[in-house]
Amino acid sequence: MRYRPIFSEAAVEFLATLPRRRQRRLLNRAQELAQGPFVVPDFRQTDEEGREISHILIDDFLFTFWPDHAMKVVMIVEIEDGA
């Protein structure tokens, strides 16, 4: 079974602000991230629930995410413009 990306409300709100071409590029990068959930992130931190949150810069996007291996999803909790 393949992993799939799941977007938080904050991530969807950021996506909605982008022009159509950048939206497509962001969605493509999110799919790639979901297909490689074991990627080494640029840095990690722990959230208030004790979950390890990863941050990675891909193209011009800074993705904040955590993989849920049991559910085979990558939870994308925040996206920022990394340009």
Protein backbone atom coordinates (compact mmCIF):
# COMPACT_ATOMS: atom_id res chain seq x y z
CA MET A 1 0.00 0.00 0.00
CA ARG A 2 1.31 3.46 -0.93
CA TYR A 3 1.43 6.42 1.42
CA ARG A 4 -0.76 9.42 0.64
CA PRO A 5 -0.58 13.04 1.76
CA ILE A 6 -3.19 14.46 4.13
CA PHE A 7 -3.38 18.25 4.51
CA SER A 8 -4.33 20.21 7.61
CA GLU A 9 -6.66 23.19 7.38
CA ALA A 10 -3.67 25.56 7.63
CA ALA A 11 -1.92 23.78 4.74
CA VAL A 12 -5.05 23.96 2.57
CA GLU A 13 -5.43 27.67 3.35
CA PHE A 14 -1.84 28.28 2.18
CA LEU A 15 -2.43 26.23 -0.97
CA ALA A 16 -5.53 28.29 -1.80
CA THR A 17 -3.47 31.52 -1.84
CA LEU A 18 -1.17 30.28 -4.60
CA PRO A 19 -1.56 30.75 -8.35
CA ARG A 20 -2.77 27.63 -10.15
CA ARG A 21 0.69 26.69 -11.50
CA ARG A 22 2.31 26.85 -8.01
CA GLN A 23 -0.63 24.89 -6.57
CA ARG A 24 0.08 22.07 -9.03
CA ARG A 25 3.80 22.17 -8.21
CA LEU A 26 3.09 22.08 -4.46
CA LEU A 27 0.70 19.14 -4.87
CA ASN A 28 3.31 17.28 -6.93
CA ARG A 29 5.96 17.86 -4.23
CA ALA A 30 3.50 16.68 -1.55
CA GLN A 31 2.89 13.46 -3.53
CA GLU A 32 6.64 12.92 -3.81
CA LEU A 33 7.03 13.48 -0.06
CA ALA A 34 4.31 10.93 0.63
CA GLN A 35 6.05 8.38 -1.58
CA GLY A 36 9.27 8.81 0.40
CA PRO A 37 8.08 9.17 4.02
CA PHE A 38 11.43 7.99 5.38
CA VAL A 39 13.29 10.98 3.89
CA VAL A 40 15.80 12.66 6.19
CA PRO A 41 14.31 16.08 7.05
CA ASP A 42 16.22 19.34 7.30
CA PHE A 43 15.34 19.50 10.99
CA ARG A 44 12.98 17.95 13.55
CA GLN A 45 11.18 19.07 16.66
CA THR A 46 8.75 17.53 19.11
CA ASP A 47 5.20 18.85 19.38
CA GLU A 48 3.16 19.19 22.58
CA GLU A 49 1.84 15.64 22.14
CA GLY A 50 5.36 14.22 22.02
CA ARG A 51 5.16 13.51 18.29
CA GLU A 52 8.28 14.08 16.18
CA ILE A 53 7.52 16.74 13.59
CA SER A 54 9.78 17.00 10.54
CA HIS A 55 10.56 20.05 8.41
CA ILE A 56 11.91 19.87 4.89
CA LEU A 57 12.47 22.43 2.16
CA ILE A 58 11.43 21.13 -1.26
CA ASP A 59 11.64 23.56 -4.17
CA ASP A 60 10.33 26.80 -2.68
CA PHE A 61 8.09 25.16 -0.07
CA LEU A 62 8.84 24.43 3.57
CA PHE A 63 6.76 21.40 4.55
CA THR A 64 6.04 20.63 8.20
CA PHE A 65 4.85 17.02 8.46
CA TRP A 66 4.80 13.76 10.33
CA PRO A 67 4.38 10.30 8.85
CA ASP A 68 1.74 7.97 10.26
CA HIS A 69 3.12 4.58 9.28
CA ALA A 70 0.16 2.65 10.66
CA MET A 71 -2.26 4.60 8.45
CA LYS A 72 0.22 4.92 5.53
CA VAL A 73 -0.21 8.70 5.35
CA VAL A 74 2.00 11.75 5.60
CA MET A 75 0.24 14.41 7.66
CA ILE A 76 1.22 17.79 6.22
CA VAL A 77 0.41 20.21 9.01
CA GLU A 78 1.90 23.41 7.63
CA ILE A 79 3.39 24.74 4.42
CA GLU A 80 5.32 27.99 4.14
CA ASP A 81 6.82 29.85 1.24
CA GLY A 82 10.50 29.02 1.40
CA ALA A 83 11.54 31.47 -1.30
